[in-house]
Amino acid sequence: MTDTETQAPTPPATPEAPKKTTEDIMKELQQLERTTGGSGAIPLAPKQQMLDASAVEAKHPDLKLRWVNIKDPQRAAVQMMKGYRRLTAEEGGRAMGDELALFGISREKFDQMVAHNRRTHAARLTAHRTEMENIAEAVARQLRDQHGIKVSAERLLVNEEGR
């Protein structure tokens, strides 16, 4: 056998696609946004202005506002279970088409929710430490009860924070 018989055949050469410039990519994305948007027309107002609810916030300083996706009823239901409610037109509530609606919750409930989330996150961040402390205490207890060796749990536990 010769070397040419053992080598794999080379694939036929394909012409490389021309590389797109940033301008070409931007034009394609703008065209895609124009044709796949909700109404197909370019909105005249920037998105930030369309979603600006500062006038409603000024009218209701006791509420914490947020836009909620109402296209998916489960998303709205989750927010309502948290305590949010859809604002009525008299309260300044509005909707963006059939996708977004303005919801509000009392500032007191919102602050309680944030405090609960902070406590939960802090507990989760330290859960591994408390678990390791419990394991070290169990090992120390087992050494003491079954083998008669007295070792403190602090000696078994490596504390890397003190370094």
N, C-alpha and C. Protein backbone atom coordinates (compact mmCIF):
# COMPACT_ATOMS: atom_id res chain seq x y z
N MET A 1 0.82 -1.19 0.00
CA MET A 1 0.00 0.00 0.00
C MET A 1 0.86 1.25 0.00
N THR A 2 0.42 2.21 -0.73
CA THR A 2 1.17 3.45 -0.80
C THR A 2 0.55 4.47 0.15
N ASP A 3 1.24 5.58 0.32
CA ASP A 3 0.75 6.63 1.22
C ASP A 3 -0.55 7.24 0.73
N THR A 4 -0.75 7.30 -0.56
CA THR A 4 -1.97 7.92 -1.09
C THR A 4 -3.17 7.05 -0.84
N GLU A 5 -3.00 5.75 -0.74
CA GLU A 5 -4.14 4.87 -0.49
C GLU A 5 -4.59 4.94 0.95
N THR A 6 -3.70 5.20 1.90
CA THR A 6 -4.07 5.23 3.31
C THR A 6 -4.60 6.57 3.77
N GLN A 7 -4.35 7.62 3.04
CA GLN A 7 -4.83 8.94 3.44
C GLN A 7 -6.30 9.10 3.11
N ALA A 8 -7.01 9.83 3.96
CA ALA A 8 -8.42 10.11 3.73
C ALA A 8 -8.55 11.08 2.58
N PRO A 9 -9.60 10.93 1.77
CA PRO A 9 -9.78 11.87 0.66
C PRO A 9 -10.06 13.27 1.19
N THR A 10 -9.55 14.25 0.54
CA THR A 10 -9.77 15.64 0.96
C THR A 10 -11.11 16.11 0.42
N PRO A 11 -11.86 16.86 1.23
CA PRO A 11 -13.15 17.36 0.75
C PRO A 11 -12.94 18.39 -0.34
N PRO A 12 -13.92 18.51 -1.22
CA PRO A 12 -13.78 19.51 -2.29
C PRO A 12 -13.78 20.91 -1.70
N ALA A 13 -13.04 21.78 -2.31
CA ALA A 13 -12.93 23.16 -1.82
C ALA A 13 -14.25 23.88 -2.04
N THR A 14 -14.71 24.57 -0.98
CA THR A 14 -15.95 25.35 -1.08
C THR A 14 -15.58 26.82 -1.03
N PRO A 15 -16.27 27.62 -1.79
CA PRO A 15 -15.95 29.05 -1.75
C PRO A 15 -16.36 29.63 -0.40
N GLU A 16 -15.52 30.45 0.20
CA GLU A 16 -15.82 31.05 1.49
C GLU A 16 -16.86 32.16 1.30
N ALA A 17 -17.77 32.22 2.27
CA ALA A 17 -18.79 33.26 2.23
C ALA A 17 -18.12 34.60 2.54
N PRO A 18 -18.53 35.65 1.86
CA PRO A 18 -17.92 36.95 2.14
C PRO A 18 -18.27 37.38 3.57
N LYS A 19 -17.33 37.97 4.26
CA LYS A 19 -17.54 38.40 5.64
C LYS A 19 -18.41 39.65 5.65
N LYS A 20 -19.38 39.64 6.58
CA LYS A 20 -20.30 40.77 6.68
C LYS A 20 -19.68 41.86 7.53
N THR A 21 -19.94 43.08 7.14
CA THR A 21 -19.47 44.21 7.91
C THR A 21 -20.49 44.52 9.00
N THR A 22 -20.09 45.33 9.93
CA THR A 22 -20.99 45.72 11.01
C THR A 22 -22.21 46.45 10.47
N GLU A 23 -22.01 47.26 9.46
CA GLU A 23 -23.14 48.00 8.88
C GLU A 23 -24.14 47.04 8.25
N ASP A 24 -23.64 46.00 7.56
CA ASP A 24 -24.54 45.03 6.95
C ASP A 24 -25.36 44.28 8.02
N ILE A 25 -24.70 43.93 9.10
CA ILE A 25 -25.39 43.22 10.19
C ILE A 25 -26.45 44.13 10.80
N MET A 26 -26.11 45.41 11.03
CA MET A 26 -27.07 46.35 11.61
C MET A 26 -28.27 46.54 10.69
N LYS A 27 -28.02 46.62 9.37
CA LYS A 27 -29.13 46.77 8.43
C LYS A 27 -30.05 45.55 8.47
N GLU A 28 -29.45 44.37 8.53
CA GLU A 28 -30.27 43.15 8.60
C GLU A 28 -31.10 43.11 9.87
N LEU A 29 -30.49 43.49 10.99
CA LEU A 29 -31.22 43.48 12.26
C LEU A 29 -32.34 44.51 12.28
N GLN A 30 -32.09 45.69 11.72
CA GLN A 30 -33.13 46.71 11.66
C GLN A 30 -34.28 46.25 10.77
N GLN A 31 -33.96 45.62 9.66
CA GLN A 31 -35.00 45.09 8.77
C GLN A 31 -35.80 44.01 9.49
N LEU A 32 -35.12 43.15 10.22
CA LEU A 32 -35.79 42.09 10.96
C LEU A 32 -36.71 42.68 12.03
N GLU A 33 -36.24 43.72 12.72
CA GLU A 33 -37.07 44.36 13.74
C GLU A 33 -38.29 45.04 13.12
N ARG A 34 -38.10 45.66 11.97
CA ARG A 34 -39.23 46.33 11.31
C ARG A 34 -40.28 45.33 10.86
N THR A 35 -39.85 44.19 10.38
CA THR A 35 -40.82 43.24 9.82
C THR A 35 -41.41 42.29 10.83
N THR A 36 -40.74 42.08 11.98
CA THR A 36 -41.27 41.14 12.96
C THR A 36 -41.85 41.82 14.18
N GLY A 37 -41.85 43.13 14.23
CA GLY A 37 -42.40 43.85 15.37
C GLY A 37 -43.90 43.64 15.47
N GLY A 38 -44.49 44.13 16.58
CA GLY A 38 -45.91 43.93 16.82
C GLY A 38 -46.78 44.45 15.69
N SER A 39 -46.58 45.71 15.30
CA SER A 39 -47.43 46.28 14.27
C SER A 39 -46.75 46.33 12.91
N GLY A 40 -45.46 46.09 12.88
CA GLY A 40 -44.73 46.16 11.64
C GLY A 40 -44.23 47.56 11.34
N ALA A 41 -44.68 48.53 12.09
CA ALA A 41 -44.24 49.91 11.88
C ALA A 41 -43.21 50.27 12.94
N ILE A 42 -42.33 51.16 12.60
CA ILE A 42 -41.32 51.62 13.54
C ILE A 42 -41.99 52.59 14.51
N PRO A 43 -41.88 52.37 15.82
CA PRO A 43 -42.49 53.31 16.75
C PRO A 43 -41.78 54.66 16.66
N LEU A 44 -42.56 55.71 16.81
CA LEU A 44 -41.99 57.05 16.71
C LEU A 44 -41.28 57.45 18.00
N ALA A 45 -41.70 56.88 19.12
CA ALA A 45 -41.08 57.22 20.39
C ALA A 45 -40.04 56.17 20.75
N PRO A 46 -38.94 56.56 21.36
CA PRO A 46 -37.97 55.57 21.82
C PRO A 46 -38.60 54.65 22.87
N LYS A 47 -38.08 53.45 22.96
CA LYS A 47 -38.65 52.46 23.88
C LYS A 47 -38.62 52.94 25.33
N GLN A 48 -37.59 53.68 25.71
CA GLN A 48 -37.51 54.16 27.08
C GLN A 48 -38.67 55.10 27.40
N GLN A 49 -39.05 55.94 26.43
CA GLN A 49 -40.15 56.87 26.67
C GLN A 49 -41.49 56.13 26.68
N MET A 50 -41.61 55.09 25.88
CA MET A 50 -42.86 54.34 25.85
C MET A 50 -43.11 53.64 27.18
N LEU A 51 -42.06 53.18 27.83
CA LEU A 51 -42.20 52.44 29.08
C LEU A 51 -42.00 53.32 30.31
N ASP A 52 -41.87 54.61 30.11
CA ASP A 52 -41.66 55.52 31.23
C ASP A 52 -42.96 55.68 32.01
N ALA A 53 -42.90 55.33 33.29
CA ALA A 53 -44.08 55.43 34.15
C ALA A 53 -43.83 56.41 35.29
N SER A 54 -42.95 57.38 35.09
CA SER A 54 -42.61 58.31 36.16
C SER A 54 -43.80 59.19 36.55
N ALA A 55 -44.68 59.50 35.62
CA ALA A 55 -45.85 60.31 35.96
C ALA A 55 -46.77 59.55 36.91
N VAL A 56 -46.93 58.25 36.67
CA VAL A 56 -47.77 57.43 37.56
C VAL A 56 -47.08 57.27 38.91
N GLU A 57 -45.75 57.13 38.92
CA GLU A 57 -45.02 57.03 40.18
C GLU A 57 -45.18 58.31 41.00
N ALA A 58 -45.14 59.45 40.33
CA ALA A 58 -45.30 60.72 41.03
C ALA A 58 -46.72 60.85 41.59
N LYS A 59 -47.68 60.31 40.87
CA LYS A 59 -49.08 60.36 41.31
C LYS A 59 -49.33 59.42 42.49
N HIS A 60 -48.60 58.29 42.53
CA HIS A 60 -48.78 57.28 43.58
C HIS A 60 -47.42 56.94 44.20
N PRO A 61 -46.91 57.80 45.09
CA PRO A 61 -45.60 57.51 45.69
C PRO A 61 -45.62 56.31 46.63
N ASP A 62 -46.81 55.87 47.05
CA ASP A 62 -46.92 54.73 47.95
C ASP A 62 -46.89 53.39 47.21
N LEU A 63 -46.81 53.41 45.88
CA LEU A 63 -46.78 52.18 45.10
C LEU A 63 -45.41 51.96 44.46
N LYS A 64 -45.05 50.71 44.36
CA LYS A 64 -43.88 50.30 43.58
C LYS A 64 -44.42 49.72 42.29
N LEU A 65 -44.03 50.29 41.16
CA LEU A 65 -44.59 49.91 39.86
C LEU A 65 -43.65 49.01 39.10
N ARG A 66 -44.22 48.18 38.23
CA ARG A 66 -43.42 47.37 37.31
C ARG A 66 -44.30 46.99 36.12
N TRP A 67 -43.64 46.78 34.99
CA TRP A 67 -44.32 46.30 33.81
C TRP A 67 -44.35 44.77 33.88
N VAL A 68 -45.51 44.19 33.58
CA VAL A 68 -45.68 42.74 33.65
C VAL A 68 -46.13 42.23 32.29
N ASN A 69 -45.55 41.12 31.88
CA ASN A 69 -45.91 40.47 30.63
C ASN A 69 -47.27 39.80 30.80
N ILE A 70 -48.29 40.35 30.16
CA ILE A 70 -49.63 39.77 30.29
C ILE A 70 -49.95 38.83 29.14
N LYS A 71 -49.05 38.73 28.18
CA LYS A 71 -49.27 37.80 27.07
C LYS A 71 -49.26 36.37 27.59
N ASP A 72 -48.41 36.11 28.59
CA ASP A 72 -48.37 34.82 29.26
C ASP A 72 -49.15 34.96 30.56
N PRO A 73 -50.34 34.37 30.67
CA PRO A 73 -51.17 34.57 31.86
C PRO A 73 -50.51 34.05 33.14
N GLN A 74 -49.63 33.06 33.02
CA GLN A 74 -48.98 32.53 34.21
C GLN A 74 -48.02 33.55 34.81
N ARG A 75 -47.35 34.33 33.97
CA ARG A 75 -46.43 35.35 34.48
C ARG A 75 -47.20 36.40 35.28
N ALA A 76 -48.34 36.82 34.76
CA ALA A 76 -49.15 37.80 35.48
C ALA A 76 -49.69 37.20 36.77
N ALA A 77 -50.07 35.93 36.75
CA ALA A 77 -50.60 35.28 37.94
C ALA A 77 -49.54 35.19 39.03
N VAL A 78 -48.31 34.93 38.65
CA VAL A 78 -47.22 34.87 39.63
C VAL A 78 -47.04 36.23 40.31
N GLN A 79 -47.07 37.29 39.53
CA GLN A 79 -46.92 38.63 40.11
C GLN A 79 -48.11 38.98 41.00
N MET A 80 -49.28 38.54 40.61
CA MET A 80 -50.45 38.81 41.45
C MET A 80 -50.38 38.02 42.76
N MET A 81 -49.81 36.83 42.72
CA MET A 81 -49.63 36.06 43.95
C MET A 81 -48.62 36.74 44.88
N LYS A 82 -47.69 37.46 44.32
CA LYS A 82 -46.71 38.20 45.13
C LYS A 82 -47.34 39.44 45.76
N GLY A 83 -48.49 39.87 45.26
CA GLY A 83 -49.15 41.05 45.82
C GLY A 83 -49.34 42.18 44.84
N TYR A 84 -48.85 42.03 43.62
CA TYR A 84 -49.03 43.07 42.61
C TYR A 84 -50.47 43.03 42.11
N ARG A 85 -50.96 44.18 41.66
CA ARG A 85 -52.28 44.26 41.05
C ARG A 85 -52.18 45.16 39.83
N ARG A 86 -53.02 44.89 38.86
CA ARG A 86 -53.01 45.70 37.64
C ARG A 86 -53.67 47.03 37.92
N LEU A 87 -53.01 48.11 37.55
CA LEU A 87 -53.56 49.44 37.80
C LEU A 87 -54.67 49.74 36.81
N THR A 88 -55.70 50.36 37.29
CA THR A 88 -56.81 50.74 36.43
C THR A 88 -56.45 52.02 35.66
N ALA A 89 -57.26 52.34 34.68
CA ALA A 89 -57.01 53.54 33.88
C ALA A 89 -57.13 54.80 34.74
N GLU A 90 -58.05 54.79 35.73
CA GLU A 90 -58.20 55.95 36.61
C GLU A 90 -56.95 56.17 37.46
N GLU A 91 -56.23 55.09 37.79
CA GLU A 91 -55.01 55.19 38.59
C GLU A 91 -53.79 55.54 37.74
N GLY A 92 -53.98 55.57 36.43
CA GLY A 92 -52.86 55.86 35.54
C GLY A 92 -52.27 54.62 34.91
N GLY A 93 -52.93 53.49 35.14
CA GLY A 93 -52.44 52.25 34.55
C GLY A 93 -52.63 52.25 33.05
N ARG A 94 -51.74 51.56 32.37
CA ARG A 94 -51.84 51.48 30.91
C ARG A 94 -51.21 50.17 30.46
N ALA A 95 -51.37 49.91 29.19
CA ALA A 95 -50.82 48.68 28.61
C ALA A 95 -50.09 49.03 27.32
N MET A 96 -49.12 48.22 27.00
CA MET A 96 -48.40 48.32 25.73
C MET A 96 -48.89 47.18 24.85
N GLY A 97 -49.88 47.49 24.02
CA GLY A 97 -50.45 46.45 23.16
C GLY A 97 -51.07 45.36 24.01
N ASP A 98 -50.86 44.12 23.58
CA ASP A 98 -51.39 43.00 24.36
C ASP A 98 -50.26 42.25 25.07
N GLU A 99 -49.10 42.92 25.25
CA GLU A 99 -47.96 42.24 25.87
C GLU A 99 -47.67 42.72 27.28
N LEU A 100 -47.65 44.03 27.52
CA LEU A 100 -47.24 44.55 28.81
C LEU A 100 -48.35 45.38 29.44
N ALA A 101 -48.44 45.31 30.76
CA ALA A 101 -49.37 46.14 31.51
C ALA A 101 -48.67 46.62 32.77
N LEU A 102 -49.10 47.76 33.26
CA LEU A 102 -48.50 48.37 34.45
C LEU A 102 -49.17 47.81 35.70
N PHE A 103 -48.36 47.21 36.57
CA PHE A 103 -48.84 46.65 37.82
C PHE A 103 -48.20 47.41 38.97
N GLY A 104 -48.82 47.37 40.14
CA GLY A 104 -48.28 48.04 41.31
C GLY A 104 -48.48 47.23 42.56
N ILE A 105 -47.63 47.48 43.54
CA ILE A 105 -47.71 46.85 44.86
C ILE A 105 -47.42 47.94 45.88
N SER A 106 -47.99 47.82 47.07
CA SER A 106 -47.73 48.85 48.08
C SER A 106 -46.25 48.83 48.45
N ARG A 107 -45.73 49.99 48.74
CA ARG A 107 -44.31 50.14 49.06
C ARG A 107 -43.94 49.28 50.28
N GLU A 108 -44.87 49.21 51.24
CA GLU A 108 -44.62 48.43 52.46
C GLU A 108 -44.47 46.94 52.14
N LYS A 109 -45.36 46.40 51.33
CA LYS A 109 -45.26 44.99 50.93
C LYS A 109 -44.00 44.73 50.12
N PHE A 110 -43.66 45.68 49.25
CA PHE A 110 -42.46 45.52 48.44
C PHE A 110 -41.22 45.50 49.32
N ASP A 111 -41.15 46.41 50.31
CA ASP A 111 -39.99 46.44 51.21
C ASP A 111 -39.90 45.15 52.03
N GLN A 112 -41.04 44.61 52.45
CA GLN A 112 -41.05 43.33 53.17
C GLN A 112 -40.53 42.20 52.27
N MET A 113 -40.95 42.22 51.03
CA MET A 113 -40.52 41.20 50.08
C MET A 113 -39.01 41.28 49.84
N VAL A 114 -38.48 42.50 49.70
CA VAL A 114 -37.05 42.68 49.49
C VAL A 114 -36.27 42.23 50.72
N ALA A 115 -36.76 42.57 51.92
CA ALA A 115 -36.08 42.16 53.15
C ALA A 115 -36.09 40.63 53.28
N HIS A 116 -37.20 40.00 52.94
CA HIS A 116 -37.28 38.54 52.98
C HIS A 116 -36.30 37.92 52.01
N ASN A 117 -36.21 38.47 50.80
CA ASN A 117 -35.26 37.96 49.81
C ASN A 117 -33.82 38.10 50.29
N ARG A 118 -33.50 39.21 50.92
CA ARG A 118 -32.14 39.41 51.43
C ARG A 118 -31.81 38.39 52.52
N ARG A 119 -32.78 38.17 53.45
CA ARG A 119 -32.55 37.17 54.51
C ARG A 119 -32.37 35.78 53.91
N THR A 120 -33.20 35.44 52.94
CA THR A 120 -33.11 34.12 52.31
C THR A 120 -31.79 33.95 51.59
N HIS A 121 -31.35 34.96 50.88
CA HIS A 121 -30.07 34.89 50.16
C HIS A 121 -28.90 34.78 51.12
N ALA A 122 -28.95 35.54 52.23
CA ALA A 122 -27.88 35.46 53.22
C ALA A 122 -27.83 34.06 53.84
N ALA A 123 -28.99 33.48 54.12
CA ALA A 123 -29.03 32.13 54.68
C ALA A 123 -28.48 31.11 53.69
N ARG A 124 -28.79 31.28 52.43
CA ARG A 124 -28.28 30.35 51.42
C ARG A 124 -26.77 30.48 51.24
N LEU A 125 -26.26 31.70 51.40
CA LEU A 125 -24.82 31.91 51.25
C LEU A 125 -24.03 31.31 52.41
N THR A 126 -24.66 31.14 53.57
CA THR A 126 -23.96 30.57 54.73
C THR A 126 -24.40 29.14 55.02
N ALA A 127 -25.29 28.58 54.24
CA ALA A 127 -25.81 27.23 54.51
C ALA A 127 -24.71 26.18 54.47
N HIS A 128 -23.75 26.32 53.59
CA HIS A 128 -22.68 25.33 53.51
C HIS A 128 -21.83 25.32 54.77
N ARG A 129 -21.65 26.49 55.38
CA ARG A 129 -20.87 26.57 56.61
C ARG A 129 -21.57 25.85 57.75
N THR A 130 -22.86 26.12 57.91
CA THR A 130 -23.59 25.47 59.00
C THR A 130 -23.68 23.96 58.77
N GLU A 131 -23.79 23.54 57.52
CA GLU A 131 -23.81 22.11 57.23
C GLU A 131 -22.48 21.46 57.61
N MET A 132 -21.37 22.11 57.28
CA MET A 132 -20.05 21.57 57.62
C MET A 132 -19.84 21.57 59.14
N GLU A 133 -20.33 22.58 59.84
CA GLU A 133 -20.23 22.60 61.30
C GLU A 133 -21.00 21.44 61.90
N ASN A 134 -22.19 21.16 61.38
CA ASN A 134 -22.98 20.03 61.88
C ASN A 134 -22.26 18.71 61.62
N ILE A 135 -21.65 18.57 60.46
CA ILE A 135 -20.92 17.34 60.13
C ILE A 135 -19.72 17.18 61.07
N ALA A 136 -18.97 18.27 61.32
CA ALA A 136 -17.82 18.20 62.21
C ALA A 136 -18.25 17.82 63.62
N GLU A 137 -19.38 18.35 64.09
CA GLU A 137 -19.88 17.97 65.41
C GLU A 137 -20.27 16.50 65.45
N ALA A 138 -20.86 16.00 64.39
CA ALA A 138 -21.25 14.59 64.34
C ALA A 138 -20.02 13.69 64.35
N VAL A 139 -18.98 14.07 63.63
CA VAL A 139 -17.75 13.27 63.61
C VAL A 139 -17.09 13.30 64.98
N ALA A 140 -17.03 14.47 65.62
CA ALA A 140 -16.45 14.58 66.96
C ALA A 140 -17.24 13.72 67.95
N ARG A 141 -18.56 13.73 67.86
CA ARG A 141 -19.40 12.93 68.74
C ARG A 141 -19.16 11.44 68.51
N GLN A 142 -19.04 11.04 67.24
CA GLN A 142 -18.80 9.63 66.92
C GLN A 142 -17.42 9.18 67.43
N LEU A 143 -16.41 10.02 67.26
CA LEU A 143 -15.08 9.68 67.77
C LEU A 143 -15.10 9.53 69.29
N ARG A 144 -15.82 10.41 69.96
CA ARG A 144 -15.90 10.36 71.41
C ARG A 144 -16.67 9.14 71.89
N ASP A 145 -17.85 8.88 71.28
CA ASP A 145 -18.72 7.80 71.75
C ASP A 145 -18.22 6.42 71.37
N GLN A 146 -17.70 6.24 70.18
CA GLN A 146 -17.34 4.90 69.71
C GLN A 146 -15.87 4.56 69.94
N HIS A 147 -15.00 5.58 69.95
CA HIS A 147 -13.57 5.30 70.03
C HIS A 147 -12.90 5.91 71.27
N GLY A 148 -13.61 6.71 72.01
CA GLY A 148 -13.05 7.30 73.22
C GLY A 148 -12.05 8.42 72.95
N ILE A 149 -12.04 8.96 71.76
CA ILE A 149 -11.12 10.04 71.40
C ILE A 149 -11.86 11.36 71.55
N LYS A 150 -11.27 12.26 72.36
CA LYS A 150 -11.90 13.56 72.56
C LYS A 150 -11.26 14.58 71.63
N VAL A 151 -12.01 15.00 70.63
CA VAL A 151 -11.57 16.01 69.66
C VAL A 151 -12.68 17.04 69.55
N SER A 152 -12.31 18.30 69.60
CA SER A 152 -13.34 19.34 69.46
C SER A 152 -13.71 19.50 67.99
N ALA A 153 -14.94 19.88 67.75
CA ALA A 153 -15.42 20.08 66.38
C ALA A 153 -14.67 21.21 65.69
N GLU A 154 -14.20 22.19 66.46
CA GLU A 154 -13.45 23.30 65.88
C GLU A 154 -12.13 22.84 65.28
N ARG A 155 -11.51 21.82 65.88
CA ARG A 155 -10.24 21.31 65.35
C ARG A 155 -10.46 20.53 64.06
N LEU A 156 -11.62 19.91 63.92
CA LEU A 156 -11.92 19.14 62.70
C LEU A 156 -12.30 20.05 61.54
N LEU A 157 -12.85 21.18 61.87
CA LEU A 157 -13.36 22.08 60.83
C LEU A 157 -12.27 23.06 60.41
N VAL A 158 -12.02 23.13 59.13
CA VAL A 158 -11.05 24.07 58.60
C VAL A 158 -11.77 25.38 58.30
N ASN A 159 -11.32 26.43 58.94
CA ASN A 159 -11.93 27.74 58.72
C ASN A 159 -11.02 28.54 57.80
N GLU A 160 -11.41 28.65 56.56
CA GLU A 160 -10.59 29.36 55.57
C GLU A 160 -10.81 30.86 55.58
N GLU A 161 -11.83 31.31 56.29
CA GLU A 161 -12.10 32.76 56.33
C GLU A 161 -11.11 33.49 57.21
N GLY A 162 -10.57 32.79 58.21
CA GLY A 162 -9.64 33.42 59.14
C GLY A 162 -8.26 33.64 58.56
N ARG A 163 -8.00 33.09 57.40
CA ARG A 163 -6.67 33.21 56.80
C ARG A 163 -6.44 34.57 56.23
